[in-house]
């Protein structure tokens, strides 16, 4: 559940099983 927080300015997380489904997590005070 995305609780609209980010630990860092920018993160990339991938679950690499078969294909790779993941996400960019980003600070909304830094990036649009």
ModelCIF file with pLDDT and N, C-alpha, C, O atoms, coordinates in Angstrom:
data_MODEL
#
_entry.id   MODEL 
#
_entity.id                         1 
_entity.type                       polymer 
_entity.pdbx_number_of_molecules   1 
#
_entity_poly.entity_id                      1 
_entity_poly.type                           'polypeptide(L)' 
_entity_poly.nstd_linkage                   no 
_entity_poly.nstd_monomer                   no 
_entity_poly.pdbx_seq_one_letter_code       
;(UNK)(UNK)(UNK)(UNK)(UNK)(UNK)(UNK)(UNK)(UNK)(UNK)(UNK)(UNK)(UNK)(UNK)(UNK)(UNK)
(UNK)(UNK)(UNK)(UNK)(UNK)(UNK)(UNK)(UNK)(UNK)(UNK)(UNK)(UNK)(UNK)(UNK)(UNK)(UNK)
;
_entity_poly.pdbx_seq_one_letter_code_can   XXXXXXXXXXXXXXXXXXXXXXXXXXXXXXXX 
_entity_poly.pdbx_strand_id                 A 
#
loop_
_entity_poly_seq.entity_id 
_entity_poly_seq.num 
_entity_poly_seq.mon_id 
_entity_poly_seq.hetero 
1 1  UNK n 
1 2  UNK n 
1 3  UNK n 
1 4  UNK n 
1 5  UNK n 
1 6  UNK n 
1 7  UNK n 
1 8  UNK n 
1 9  UNK n 
1 10 UNK n 
1 11 UNK n 
1 12 UNK n 
1 13 UNK n 
1 14 UNK n 
1 15 UNK n 
1 16 UNK n 
1 17 UNK n 
1 18 UNK n 
1 19 UNK n 
1 20 UNK n 
1 21 UNK n 
1 22 UNK n 
1 23 UNK n 
1 24 UNK n 
1 25 UNK n 
1 26 UNK n 
1 27 UNK n 
1 28 UNK n 
1 29 UNK n 
1 30 UNK n 
1 31 UNK n 
1 32 UNK n 
#
_struct_asym.id          A 
_struct_asym.entity_id   1 
#
loop_
_ma_qa_metric.id 
_ma_qa_metric.mode 
_ma_qa_metric.name 
_ma_qa_metric.software_group_id 
_ma_qa_metric.type 
1 global pLDDT . pLDDT 
2 local  pLDDT . pLDDT 
#
_ma_qa_metric_global.metric_id      1 
_ma_qa_metric_global.metric_value   89.31 
_ma_qa_metric_global.model_id       1 
_ma_qa_metric_global.ordinal_id     1 
#
loop_
_ma_qa_metric_local.label_asym_id 
_ma_qa_metric_local.label_comp_id 
_ma_qa_metric_local.label_seq_id 
_ma_qa_metric_local.metric_id 
_ma_qa_metric_local.metric_value 
_ma_qa_metric_local.model_id 
_ma_qa_metric_local.ordinal_id 
A UNK 1  2 94.00 1 1  
A UNK 2  2 91.00 1 2  
A UNK 3  2 91.00 1 3  
A UNK 4  2 93.00 1 4  
A UNK 5  2 94.00 1 5  
A UNK 6  2 94.00 1 6  
A UNK 7  2 92.00 1 7  
A UNK 8  2 93.00 1 8  
A UNK 9  2 93.00 1 9  
A UNK 10 2 96.00 1 10 
A UNK 11 2 97.00 1 11 
A UNK 12 2 97.00 1 12 
A UNK 13 2 94.00 1 13 
A UNK 14 2 92.00 1 14 
A UNK 15 2 85.00 1 15 
A UNK 16 2 76.00 1 16 
A UNK 17 2 70.00 1 17 
A UNK 18 2 65.00 1 18 
A UNK 19 2 67.00 1 19 
A UNK 20 2 73.00 1 20 
A UNK 21 2 82.00 1 21 
A UNK 22 2 89.00 1 22 
A UNK 23 2 94.00 1 23 
A UNK 24 2 96.00 1 24 
A UNK 25 2 96.00 1 25 
A UNK 26 2 96.00 1 26 
A UNK 27 2 94.00 1 27 
A UNK 28 2 94.00 1 28 
A UNK 29 2 91.00 1 29 
A UNK 30 2 91.00 1 30 
A UNK 31 2 94.00 1 31 
A UNK 32 2 94.00 1 32 
#
loop_
_atom_site.group_PDB 
_atom_site.id 
_atom_site.type_symbol 
_atom_site.label_atom_id 
_atom_site.label_alt_id 
_atom_site.label_comp_id 
_atom_site.label_asym_id 
_atom_site.label_entity_id 
_atom_site.label_seq_id 
_atom_site.pdbx_PDB_ins_code 
_atom_site.Cartn_x 
_atom_site.Cartn_y 
_atom_site.Cartn_z 
_atom_site.occupancy 
_atom_site.B_iso_or_equiv 
_atom_site.pdbx_formal_charge 
_atom_site.auth_seq_id 
_atom_site.auth_comp_id 
_atom_site.auth_asym_id 
_atom_site.auth_atom_id 
_atom_site.pdbx_PDB_model_num 
ATOM 1   N N  . UNK A 1 1  ? 0.853  -1.184  0.000   1.00 94.00 ? 1  UNK A N  1 
ATOM 2   C CA . UNK A 1 1  ? 0.000  0.000   0.000   1.00 94.00 ? 1  UNK A CA 1 
ATOM 3   C C  . UNK A 1 1  ? 0.892  1.239   0.000   1.00 94.00 ? 1  UNK A C  1 
ATOM 4   O O  . UNK A 1 1  ? 1.697  1.431   0.912   1.00 94.00 ? 1  UNK A O  1 
ATOM 5   N N  . UNK A 1 2  ? 0.748  2.064   -1.011  1.00 91.00 ? 2  UNK A N  1 
ATOM 6   C CA . UNK A 1 2  ? 1.512  3.301   -1.100  1.00 91.00 ? 2  UNK A CA 1 
ATOM 7   C C  . UNK A 1 2  ? 0.952  4.299   -0.090  1.00 91.00 ? 2  UNK A C  1 
ATOM 8   O O  . UNK A 1 2  ? -0.147 4.822   -0.270  1.00 91.00 ? 2  UNK A O  1 
ATOM 9   N N  . UNK A 1 3  ? 1.722  4.563   0.983   1.00 91.00 ? 3  UNK A N  1 
ATOM 10  C CA . UNK A 1 3  ? 1.248  5.522   1.984   1.00 91.00 ? 3  UNK A CA 1 
ATOM 11  C C  . UNK A 1 3  ? 1.819  6.922   1.761   1.00 91.00 ? 3  UNK A C  1 
ATOM 12  O O  . UNK A 1 3  ? 1.852  7.753   2.668   1.00 91.00 ? 3  UNK A O  1 
ATOM 13  N N  . UNK A 1 4  ? 2.271  7.159   0.515   1.00 93.00 ? 4  UNK A N  1 
ATOM 14  C CA . UNK A 1 4  ? 2.698  8.485   0.076   1.00 93.00 ? 4  UNK A CA 1 
ATOM 15  C C  . UNK A 1 4  ? 3.837  9.036   0.924   1.00 93.00 ? 4  UNK A C  1 
ATOM 16  O O  . UNK A 1 4  ? 3.796  10.175  1.390   1.00 93.00 ? 4  UNK A O  1 
ATOM 17  N N  . UNK A 1 5  ? 4.862  8.192   1.113   1.00 94.00 ? 5  UNK A N  1 
ATOM 18  C CA . UNK A 1 5  ? 6.092  8.621   1.768   1.00 94.00 ? 5  UNK A CA 1 
ATOM 19  C C  . UNK A 1 5  ? 7.276  8.162   0.915   1.00 94.00 ? 5  UNK A C  1 
ATOM 20  O O  . UNK A 1 5  ? 7.135  7.296   0.051   1.00 94.00 ? 5  UNK A O  1 
ATOM 21  N N  . UNK A 1 6  ? 8.437  8.752   1.171   1.00 94.00 ? 6  UNK A N  1 
ATOM 22  C CA . UNK A 1 6  ? 9.660  8.346   0.487   1.00 94.00 ? 6  UNK A CA 1 
ATOM 23  C C  . UNK A 1 6  ? 10.831 8.513   1.444   1.00 94.00 ? 6  UNK A C  1 
ATOM 24  O O  . UNK A 1 6  ? 11.019 9.580   2.027   1.00 94.00 ? 6  UNK A O  1 
ATOM 25  N N  . UNK A 1 7  ? 11.611 7.457   1.600   1.00 92.00 ? 7  UNK A N  1 
ATOM 26  C CA . UNK A 1 7  ? 12.744 7.507   2.523   1.00 92.00 ? 7  UNK A CA 1 
ATOM 27  C C  . UNK A 1 7  ? 13.905 8.318   1.958   1.00 92.00 ? 7  UNK A C  1 
ATOM 28  O O  . UNK A 1 7  ? 14.713 8.855   2.715   1.00 92.00 ? 7  UNK A O  1 
ATOM 29  N N  . UNK A 1 8  ? 13.992 8.411   0.616   1.00 93.00 ? 8  UNK A N  1 
ATOM 30  C CA . UNK A 1 8  ? 15.117 9.063   -0.043  1.00 93.00 ? 8  UNK A CA 1 
ATOM 31  C C  . UNK A 1 8  ? 14.598 10.041  -1.093  1.00 93.00 ? 8  UNK A C  1 
ATOM 32  O O  . UNK A 1 8  ? 13.400 10.099  -1.367  1.00 93.00 ? 8  UNK A O  1 
ATOM 33  N N  . UNK A 1 9  ? 15.522 10.808  -1.677  1.00 93.00 ? 9  UNK A N  1 
ATOM 34  C CA . UNK A 1 9  ? 15.120 11.671  -2.789  1.00 93.00 ? 9  UNK A CA 1 
ATOM 35  C C  . UNK A 1 9  ? 14.558 10.823  -3.926  1.00 93.00 ? 9  UNK A C  1 
ATOM 36  O O  . UNK A 1 9  ? 13.539 11.161  -4.528  1.00 93.00 ? 9  UNK A O  1 
ATOM 37  N N  . UNK A 1 10 ? 15.248 9.703   -4.209  1.00 96.00 ? 10 UNK A N  1 
ATOM 38  C CA . UNK A 1 10 ? 14.843 8.839   -5.325  1.00 96.00 ? 10 UNK A CA 1 
ATOM 39  C C  . UNK A 1 10 ? 15.286 7.413   -5.040  1.00 96.00 ? 10 UNK A C  1 
ATOM 40  O O  . UNK A 1 10 ? 16.403 7.193   -4.572  1.00 96.00 ? 10 UNK A O  1 
ATOM 41  N N  . UNK A 1 11 ? 14.432 6.455   -5.314  1.00 97.00 ? 11 UNK A N  1 
ATOM 42  C CA . UNK A 1 11 ? 14.766 5.035   -5.187  1.00 97.00 ? 11 UNK A CA 1 
ATOM 43  C C  . UNK A 1 11 ? 14.250 4.294   -6.405  1.00 97.00 ? 11 UNK A C  1 
ATOM 44  O O  . UNK A 1 11 ? 13.228 4.658   -6.986  1.00 97.00 ? 11 UNK A O  1 
ATOM 45  N N  . UNK A 1 12 ? 14.968 3.252   -6.782  1.00 97.00 ? 12 UNK A N  1 
ATOM 46  C CA . UNK A 1 12 ? 14.452 2.302   -7.772  1.00 97.00 ? 12 UNK A CA 1 
ATOM 47  C C  . UNK A 1 12 ? 14.463 0.933   -7.132  1.00 97.00 ? 12 UNK A C  1 
ATOM 48  O O  . UNK A 1 12 ? 15.502 0.470   -6.659  1.00 97.00 ? 12 UNK A O  1 
ATOM 49  N N  . UNK A 1 13 ? 13.317 0.285   -7.115  1.00 94.00 ? 13 UNK A N  1 
ATOM 50  C CA . UNK A 1 13 ? 13.199 -1.056  -6.542  1.00 94.00 ? 13 UNK A CA 1 
ATOM 51  C C  . UNK A 1 13 ? 12.579 -1.980  -7.578  1.00 94.00 ? 13 UNK A C  1 
ATOM 52  O O  . UNK A 1 13 ? 11.542 -1.668  -8.162  1.00 94.00 ? 13 UNK A O  1 
ATOM 53  N N  . UNK A 1 14 ? 13.227 -3.124  -7.799  1.00 92.00 ? 14 UNK A N  1 
ATOM 54  C CA . UNK A 1 14 ? 12.761 -4.090  -8.780  1.00 92.00 ? 14 UNK A CA 1 
ATOM 55  C C  . UNK A 1 14 ? 12.617 -5.455  -8.127  1.00 92.00 ? 14 UNK A C  1 
ATOM 56  O O  . UNK A 1 14 ? 13.480 -5.870  -7.354  1.00 92.00 ? 14 UNK A O  1 
ATOM 57  N N  . UNK A 1 15 ? 11.535 -6.151  -8.433  1.00 85.00 ? 15 UNK A N  1 
ATOM 58  C CA . UNK A 1 15 ? 11.361 -7.548  -8.040  1.00 85.00 ? 15 UNK A CA 1 
ATOM 59  C C  . UNK A 1 15 ? 11.677 -8.374  -9.281  1.00 85.00 ? 15 UNK A C  1 
ATOM 60  O O  . UNK A 1 15 ? 10.846 -8.491  -10.182 1.00 85.00 ? 15 UNK A O  1 
ATOM 61  N N  . UNK A 1 16 ? 12.870 -8.944  -9.326  1.00 76.00 ? 16 UNK A N  1 
ATOM 62  C CA . UNK A 1 16 ? 13.378 -9.592  -10.547 1.00 76.00 ? 16 UNK A CA 1 
ATOM 63  C C  . UNK A 1 16 ? 13.067 -11.077 -10.538 1.00 76.00 ? 16 UNK A C  1 
ATOM 64  O O  . UNK A 1 16 ? 13.958 -11.904 -10.351 1.00 76.00 ? 16 UNK A O  1 
ATOM 65  N N  . UNK A 1 17 ? 11.803 -11.411 -10.739 1.00 70.00 ? 17 UNK A N  1 
ATOM 66  C CA . UNK A 1 17 ? 11.385 -12.805 -10.866 1.00 70.00 ? 17 UNK A CA 1 
ATOM 67  C C  . UNK A 1 17 ? 10.577 -12.904 -12.153 1.00 70.00 ? 17 UNK A C  1 
ATOM 68  O O  . UNK A 1 17 ? 9.493  -12.329 -12.251 1.00 70.00 ? 17 UNK A O  1 
ATOM 69  N N  . UNK A 1 18 ? 11.103 -13.638 -13.154 1.00 65.00 ? 18 UNK A N  1 
ATOM 70  C CA . UNK A 1 18 ? 10.506 -13.606 -14.491 1.00 65.00 ? 18 UNK A CA 1 
ATOM 71  C C  . UNK A 1 18 ? 10.881 -12.274 -15.112 1.00 65.00 ? 18 UNK A C  1 
ATOM 72  O O  . UNK A 1 18 ? 12.056 -12.028 -15.382 1.00 65.00 ? 18 UNK A O  1 
ATOM 73  N N  . UNK A 1 19 ? 9.903  -11.410 -15.342 1.00 67.00 ? 19 UNK A N  1 
ATOM 74  C CA . UNK A 1 19 ? 10.203 -10.036 -15.691 1.00 67.00 ? 19 UNK A CA 1 
ATOM 75  C C  . UNK A 1 19 ? 10.509 -9.283  -14.410 1.00 67.00 ? 19 UNK A C  1 
ATOM 76  O O  . UNK A 1 19 ? 10.568 -9.891  -13.341 1.00 67.00 ? 19 UNK A O  1 
ATOM 77  N N  . UNK A 1 20 ? 10.702 -7.985  -14.491 1.00 73.00 ? 20 UNK A N  1 
ATOM 78  C CA . UNK A 1 20 ? 10.988 -7.191  -13.298 1.00 73.00 ? 20 UNK A CA 1 
ATOM 79  C C  . UNK A 1 20 ? 9.907  -6.135  -13.143 1.00 73.00 ? 20 UNK A C  1 
ATOM 80  O O  . UNK A 1 20 ? 9.842  -5.185  -13.923 1.00 73.00 ? 20 UNK A O  1 
ATOM 81  N N  . UNK A 1 21 ? 9.061  -6.299  -12.138 1.00 82.00 ? 21 UNK A N  1 
ATOM 82  C CA . UNK A 1 21 ? 8.028  -5.317  -11.829 1.00 82.00 ? 21 UNK A CA 1 
ATOM 83  C C  . UNK A 1 21 ? 8.444  -4.590  -10.563 1.00 82.00 ? 21 UNK A C  1 
ATOM 84  O O  . UNK A 1 21 ? 8.720  -5.225  -9.545  1.00 82.00 ? 21 UNK A O  1 
ATOM 85  N N  . UNK A 1 22 ? 8.490  -3.300  -10.612 1.00 89.00 ? 22 UNK A N  1 
ATOM 86  C CA . UNK A 1 22 ? 8.907  -2.543  -9.449  1.00 89.00 ? 22 UNK A CA 1 
ATOM 87  C C  . UNK A 1 22 ? 8.386  -1.127  -9.520  1.00 89.00 ? 22 UNK A C  1 
ATOM 88  O O  . UNK A 1 22 ? 7.300  -0.880  -10.045 1.00 89.00 ? 22 UNK A O  1 
ATOM 89  N N  . UNK A 1 23 ? 9.166  -0.194  -8.987  1.00 94.00 ? 23 UNK A N  1 
ATOM 90  C CA . UNK A 1 23 ? 8.691  1.181   -8.933  1.00 94.00 ? 23 UNK A CA 1 
ATOM 91  C C  . UNK A 1 23 ? 9.858  2.126   -8.667  1.00 94.00 ? 23 UNK A C  1 
ATOM 92  O O  . UNK A 1 23 ? 10.880 1.739   -8.100  1.00 94.00 ? 23 UNK A O  1 
ATOM 93  N N  . UNK A 1 24 ? 9.676  3.365   -9.088  1.00 96.00 ? 24 UNK A N  1 
ATOM 94  C CA . UNK A 1 24 ? 10.467 4.486   -8.602  1.00 96.00 ? 24 UNK A CA 1 
ATOM 95  C C  . UNK A 1 24 ? 9.721  5.075   -7.415  1.00 96.00 ? 24 UNK A C  1 
ATOM 96  O O  . UNK A 1 24 ? 8.533  5.379   -7.520  1.00 96.00 ? 24 UNK A O  1 
ATOM 97  N N  . UNK A 1 25 ? 10.398 5.237   -6.297  1.00 96.00 ? 25 UNK A N  1 
ATOM 98  C CA . UNK A 1 25 ? 9.834  5.960   -5.163  1.00 96.00 ? 25 UNK A CA 1 
ATOM 99  C C  . UNK A 1 25 ? 10.564 7.296   -5.092  1.00 96.00 ? 25 UNK A C  1 
ATOM 100 O O  . UNK A 1 25 ? 11.793 7.332   -5.149  1.00 96.00 ? 25 UNK A O  1 
ATOM 101 N N  . UNK A 1 26 ? 9.819  8.396   -4.967  1.00 96.00 ? 26 UNK A N  1 
ATOM 102 C CA . UNK A 1 26 ? 10.464 9.698   -5.083  1.00 96.00 ? 26 UNK A CA 1 
ATOM 103 C C  . UNK A 1 26 ? 9.859  10.712  -4.121  1.00 96.00 ? 26 UNK A C  1 
ATOM 104 O O  . UNK A 1 26 ? 8.693  10.619  -3.737  1.00 96.00 ? 26 UNK A O  1 
ATOM 105 N N  . UNK A 1 27 ? 10.680 11.675  -3.747  1.00 94.00 ? 27 UNK A N  1 
ATOM 106 C CA . UNK A 1 27 ? 10.216 12.772  -2.907  1.00 94.00 ? 27 UNK A CA 1 
ATOM 107 C C  . UNK A 1 27 ? 9.396  13.734  -3.755  1.00 94.00 ? 27 UNK A C  1 
ATOM 108 O O  . UNK A 1 27 ? 9.864  14.222  -4.783  1.00 94.00 ? 27 UNK A O  1 
ATOM 109 N N  . UNK A 1 28 ? 8.178  14.000  -3.319  1.00 94.00 ? 28 UNK A N  1 
ATOM 110 C CA . UNK A 1 28 ? 7.333  14.942  -4.058  1.00 94.00 ? 28 UNK A CA 1 
ATOM 111 C C  . UNK A 1 28 ? 7.746  16.378  -3.784  1.00 94.00 ? 28 UNK A C  1 
ATOM 112 O O  . UNK A 1 28 ? 7.213  17.301  -4.401  1.00 94.00 ? 28 UNK A O  1 
ATOM 113 N N  . UNK A 1 29 ? 8.690  16.582  -2.867  1.00 91.00 ? 29 UNK A N  1 
ATOM 114 C CA . UNK A 1 29 ? 9.257  17.913  -2.650  1.00 91.00 ? 29 UNK A CA 1 
ATOM 115 C C  . UNK A 1 29 ? 10.473 18.159  -3.532  1.00 91.00 ? 29 UNK A C  1 
ATOM 116 O O  . UNK A 1 29 ? 11.088 19.224  -3.478  1.00 91.00 ? 29 UNK A O  1 
ATOM 117 N N  . UNK A 1 30 ? 10.815 17.151  -4.351  1.00 91.00 ? 30 UNK A N  1 
ATOM 118 C CA . UNK A 1 30 ? 11.980 17.282  -5.238  1.00 91.00 ? 30 UNK A CA 1 
ATOM 119 C C  . UNK A 1 30 ? 11.613 17.076  -6.707  1.00 91.00 ? 30 UNK A C  1 
ATOM 120 O O  . UNK A 1 30 ? 12.146 17.747  -7.590  1.00 91.00 ? 30 UNK A O  1 
ATOM 121 N N  . UNK A 1 31 ? 10.689 16.134  -6.956  1.00 94.00 ? 31 UNK A N  1 
ATOM 122 C CA . UNK A 1 31 ? 10.391 15.752  -8.341  1.00 94.00 ? 31 UNK A CA 1 
ATOM 123 C C  . UNK A 1 31 ? 8.889  15.787  -8.610  1.00 94.00 ? 31 UNK A C  1 
ATOM 124 O O  . UNK A 1 31 ? 8.077  15.555  -7.714  1.00 94.00 ? 31 UNK A O  1 
ATOM 125 N N  . UNK A 1 32 ? 8.543  16.078  -9.844  1.00 94.00 ? 32 UNK A N  1 
ATOM 126 C CA . UNK A 1 32 ? 7.149  15.970  -10.287 1.00 94.00 ? 32 UNK A CA 1 
ATOM 127 C C  . UNK A 1 32 ? 6.902  14.563  -10.823 1.00 94.00 ? 32 UNK A C  1 
ATOM 128 O O  . UNK A 1 32 ? 5.791  14.252  -11.250 1.00 94.00 ? 32 UNK A O  1 
#
